[in-house]
Amino acid sequence: MKKDESLVFDEDIYNTIRRNIRKYRREKGLTSAQLAELVDLSHDFVRQIESERVGRNFSVETFYKISVALGVSMDKLARKA
């Protein structure tokens, strides 16, 4: 990267990830309860992750487990549509 190039950050990254998790979960034909079971989390917690009304509340480990369960790379889940 050249010194004069500026970085652009997604200021809404958690909501981007939330929307993508919901999108790919639905594409895979999973309910949030099924996804929760796959990644060993409570159904309520997965619903909170997908809810844009809830604050930033999930770890990198949770993000990773969800990406594996959905068969989608972490960078794809973090990509703004």
N, C-alpha and C. Protein backbone atom coordinates (compact mmCIF):
# COMPACT_ATOMS: atom_id res chain seq x y z
N MET A 1 0.84 -1.17 0.00
CA MET A 1 0.00 0.00 0.00
C MET A 1 0.89 1.23 0.00
N LYS A 2 0.54 2.15 -0.84
CA LYS A 2 1.30 3.39 -0.94
C LYS A 2 0.93 4.32 0.21
N LYS A 3 1.87 5.15 0.58
CA LYS A 3 1.68 6.05 1.71
C LYS A 3 0.50 7.00 1.53
N ASP A 4 0.22 7.42 0.31
CA ASP A 4 -0.84 8.39 0.08
C ASP A 4 -2.22 7.77 -0.10
N GLU A 5 -2.31 6.43 -0.08
CA GLU A 5 -3.60 5.76 -0.19
C GLU A 5 -4.27 5.74 1.18
N SER A 6 -5.56 5.99 1.21
CA SER A 6 -6.27 5.95 2.49
C SER A 6 -7.09 4.67 2.60
N LEU A 7 -7.24 4.21 3.81
CA LEU A 7 -8.03 3.01 4.08
C LEU A 7 -9.48 3.40 4.24
N VAL A 8 -10.36 2.52 3.79
CA VAL A 8 -11.80 2.75 3.95
C VAL A 8 -12.33 1.62 4.82
N PHE A 9 -12.94 1.99 5.94
CA PHE A 9 -13.47 1.00 6.87
C PHE A 9 -14.99 1.03 6.84
N ASP A 10 -15.58 -0.15 7.01
CA ASP A 10 -17.03 -0.26 7.11
C ASP A 10 -17.41 0.16 8.53
N GLU A 11 -18.01 1.32 8.65
CA GLU A 11 -18.38 1.86 9.96
C GLU A 11 -19.56 1.11 10.57
N ASP A 12 -20.19 0.26 9.78
CA ASP A 12 -21.37 -0.48 10.22
C ASP A 12 -21.10 -1.99 10.14
N ILE A 13 -19.88 -2.41 10.45
CA ILE A 13 -19.43 -3.78 10.22
C ILE A 13 -20.29 -4.83 10.94
N TYR A 14 -20.71 -4.55 12.16
CA TYR A 14 -21.53 -5.54 12.86
C TYR A 14 -22.85 -5.78 12.14
N ASN A 15 -23.47 -4.72 11.65
CA ASN A 15 -24.73 -4.89 10.93
C ASN A 15 -24.51 -5.55 9.58
N THR A 16 -23.40 -5.29 8.93
CA THR A 16 -23.06 -5.99 7.68
C THR A 16 -22.95 -7.48 7.95
N ILE A 17 -22.24 -7.85 9.01
CA ILE A 17 -22.08 -9.27 9.37
C ILE A 17 -23.43 -9.88 9.72
N ARG A 18 -24.23 -9.18 10.49
CA ARG A 18 -25.56 -9.69 10.88
C ARG A 18 -26.42 -9.99 9.65
N ARG A 19 -26.47 -9.04 8.74
CA ARG A 19 -27.29 -9.24 7.53
C ARG A 19 -26.78 -10.42 6.71
N ASN A 20 -25.46 -10.55 6.60
CA ASN A 20 -24.90 -11.66 5.83
C ASN A 20 -25.13 -13.01 6.50
N ILE A 21 -25.03 -13.07 7.82
CA ILE A 21 -25.31 -14.32 8.52
C ILE A 21 -26.76 -14.74 8.23
N ARG A 22 -27.67 -13.82 8.37
CA ARG A 22 -29.09 -14.11 8.11
C ARG A 22 -29.30 -14.56 6.66
N LYS A 23 -28.68 -13.85 5.72
CA LYS A 23 -28.80 -14.16 4.29
C LYS A 23 -28.31 -15.58 3.99
N TYR A 24 -27.08 -15.90 4.42
CA TYR A 24 -26.51 -17.20 4.10
C TYR A 24 -27.18 -18.33 4.88
N ARG A 25 -27.66 -18.05 6.07
CA ARG A 25 -28.40 -19.07 6.83
C ARG A 25 -29.67 -19.44 6.07
N ARG A 26 -30.38 -18.45 5.60
CA ARG A 26 -31.62 -18.69 4.85
C ARG A 26 -31.33 -19.40 3.53
N GLU A 27 -30.25 -18.99 2.85
CA GLU A 27 -29.88 -19.66 1.59
C GLU A 27 -29.58 -21.14 1.82
N LYS A 28 -29.01 -21.45 2.97
CA LYS A 28 -28.69 -22.84 3.31
C LYS A 28 -29.92 -23.60 3.80
N GLY A 29 -31.03 -22.88 4.02
CA GLY A 29 -32.27 -23.51 4.45
C GLY A 29 -32.30 -23.86 5.92
N LEU A 30 -31.54 -23.10 6.71
CA LEU A 30 -31.49 -23.36 8.16
C LEU A 30 -32.33 -22.35 8.92
N THR A 31 -32.93 -22.80 9.99
CA THR A 31 -33.57 -21.87 10.91
C THR A 31 -32.48 -21.36 11.86
N SER A 32 -32.78 -20.31 12.58
CA SER A 32 -31.80 -19.81 13.56
C SER A 32 -31.59 -20.85 14.66
N ALA A 33 -32.62 -21.62 14.98
CA ALA A 33 -32.48 -22.68 15.99
C ALA A 33 -31.53 -23.77 15.50
N GLN A 34 -31.62 -24.13 14.23
CA GLN A 34 -30.73 -25.15 13.68
C GLN A 34 -29.29 -24.65 13.66
N LEU A 35 -29.10 -23.40 13.27
CA LEU A 35 -27.75 -22.83 13.28
C LEU A 35 -27.20 -22.81 14.70
N ALA A 36 -28.01 -22.43 15.65
CA ALA A 36 -27.59 -22.40 17.05
C ALA A 36 -27.11 -23.78 17.51
N GLU A 37 -27.84 -24.80 17.13
CA GLU A 37 -27.45 -26.16 17.51
C GLU A 37 -26.12 -26.55 16.87
N LEU A 38 -25.92 -26.17 15.60
CA LEU A 38 -24.68 -26.51 14.90
C LEU A 38 -23.46 -25.89 15.56
N VAL A 39 -23.60 -24.69 16.08
CA VAL A 39 -22.45 -23.97 16.64
C VAL A 39 -22.44 -23.97 18.17
N ASP A 40 -23.34 -24.74 18.76
CA ASP A 40 -23.40 -24.92 20.22
C ASP A 40 -23.62 -23.60 20.95
N LEU A 41 -24.62 -22.84 20.46
CA LEU A 41 -25.04 -21.60 21.10
C LEU A 41 -26.53 -21.68 21.37
N SER A 42 -27.02 -20.82 22.22
CA SER A 42 -28.46 -20.81 22.46
C SER A 42 -29.18 -20.17 21.27
N HIS A 43 -30.41 -20.60 21.06
CA HIS A 43 -31.23 -20.04 20.00
C HIS A 43 -31.41 -18.53 20.19
N ASP A 44 -31.63 -18.12 21.42
CA ASP A 44 -31.80 -16.69 21.72
C ASP A 44 -30.55 -15.89 21.34
N PHE A 45 -29.38 -16.46 21.60
CA PHE A 45 -28.14 -15.74 21.28
C PHE A 45 -27.98 -15.59 19.77
N VAL A 46 -28.28 -16.62 19.00
CA VAL A 46 -28.20 -16.51 17.54
C VAL A 46 -29.21 -15.49 17.04
N ARG A 47 -30.39 -15.47 17.60
CA ARG A 47 -31.38 -14.45 17.22
C ARG A 47 -30.87 -13.06 17.54
N GLN A 48 -30.19 -12.90 18.66
CA GLN A 48 -29.61 -11.60 19.02
C GLN A 48 -28.52 -11.19 18.04
N ILE A 49 -27.69 -12.14 17.63
CA ILE A 49 -26.64 -11.84 16.67
C ILE A 49 -27.24 -11.30 15.38
N GLU A 50 -28.33 -11.88 14.94
CA GLU A 50 -28.97 -11.47 13.70
C GLU A 50 -29.80 -10.20 13.84
N SER A 51 -30.10 -9.79 15.04
CA SER A 51 -30.94 -8.62 15.28
C SER A 51 -30.11 -7.34 15.22
N GLU A 52 -30.55 -6.39 14.42
CA GLU A 52 -29.84 -5.12 14.32
C GLU A 52 -30.12 -4.22 15.51
N ARG A 53 -31.06 -4.60 16.36
CA ARG A 53 -31.38 -3.80 17.54
C ARG A 53 -30.48 -4.12 18.73
N VAL A 54 -29.73 -5.19 18.63
CA VAL A 54 -28.87 -5.62 19.74
C VAL A 54 -27.45 -5.08 19.48
N GLY A 55 -26.76 -4.74 20.55
CA GLY A 55 -25.42 -4.19 20.42
C GLY A 55 -24.40 -5.21 19.93
N ARG A 56 -23.21 -4.76 19.84
CA ARG A 56 -22.09 -5.62 19.40
C ARG A 56 -21.84 -6.66 20.47
N ASN A 57 -22.15 -7.91 20.15
CA ASN A 57 -22.15 -8.89 21.23
C ASN A 57 -21.61 -10.26 20.87
N PHE A 58 -20.85 -10.38 19.80
CA PHE A 58 -20.33 -11.71 19.49
C PHE A 58 -18.82 -11.67 19.27
N SER A 59 -18.20 -12.77 19.63
CA SER A 59 -16.74 -12.86 19.57
C SER A 59 -16.27 -13.33 18.20
N VAL A 60 -14.98 -13.22 17.98
CA VAL A 60 -14.37 -13.73 16.75
C VAL A 60 -14.58 -15.24 16.68
N GLU A 61 -14.50 -15.92 17.82
CA GLU A 61 -14.70 -17.37 17.84
C GLU A 61 -16.12 -17.72 17.38
N THR A 62 -17.11 -16.99 17.85
CA THR A 62 -18.49 -17.22 17.42
C THR A 62 -18.64 -16.92 15.94
N PHE A 63 -18.06 -15.83 15.48
CA PHE A 63 -18.08 -15.45 14.07
C PHE A 63 -17.48 -16.57 13.22
N TYR A 64 -16.36 -17.13 13.66
CA TYR A 64 -15.69 -18.22 12.97
C TYR A 64 -16.57 -19.47 12.91
N LYS A 65 -17.13 -19.86 14.05
CA LYS A 65 -17.97 -21.07 14.09
C LYS A 65 -19.18 -20.93 13.16
N ILE A 66 -19.79 -19.76 13.14
CA ILE A 66 -20.93 -19.54 12.26
C ILE A 66 -20.50 -19.63 10.79
N SER A 67 -19.35 -19.06 10.47
CA SER A 67 -18.87 -19.13 9.08
C SER A 67 -18.64 -20.57 8.65
N VAL A 68 -18.07 -21.38 9.53
CA VAL A 68 -17.84 -22.80 9.23
C VAL A 68 -19.18 -23.52 9.05
N ALA A 69 -20.12 -23.29 9.96
CA ALA A 69 -21.42 -23.96 9.88
C ALA A 69 -22.18 -23.59 8.61
N LEU A 70 -22.01 -22.35 8.16
CA LEU A 70 -22.70 -21.90 6.95
C LEU A 70 -21.92 -22.23 5.67
N GLY A 71 -20.66 -22.65 5.83
CA GLY A 71 -19.83 -22.94 4.66
C GLY A 71 -19.47 -21.69 3.88
N VAL A 72 -19.33 -20.58 4.61
CA VAL A 72 -19.03 -19.28 4.00
C VAL A 72 -17.80 -18.71 4.71
N SER A 73 -16.85 -18.18 3.97
CA SER A 73 -15.65 -17.63 4.59
C SER A 73 -16.00 -16.40 5.43
N MET A 74 -15.15 -16.15 6.42
CA MET A 74 -15.36 -15.00 7.29
C MET A 74 -15.31 -13.70 6.50
N ASP A 75 -14.42 -13.64 5.52
CA ASP A 75 -14.33 -12.39 4.74
C ASP A 75 -15.59 -12.16 3.92
N LYS A 76 -16.22 -13.24 3.47
CA LYS A 76 -17.47 -13.09 2.72
C LYS A 76 -18.60 -12.62 3.64
N LEU A 77 -18.60 -13.11 4.88
CA LEU A 77 -19.62 -12.66 5.84
C LEU A 77 -19.42 -11.19 6.23
N ALA A 78 -18.19 -10.71 6.12
CA ALA A 78 -17.90 -9.33 6.49
C ALA A 78 -17.99 -8.36 5.31
N ARG A 79 -18.26 -8.90 4.12
CA ARG A 79 -18.29 -8.07 2.92
C ARG A 79 -19.63 -7.37 2.78
N LYS A 80 -19.56 -6.07 2.57
CA LYS A 80 -20.77 -5.26 2.37
C LYS A 80 -21.36 -5.60 1.00
N ALA A 81 -22.65 -5.84 0.99
CA ALA A 81 -23.34 -6.23 -0.26
C ALA A 81 -23.56 -5.05 -1.18
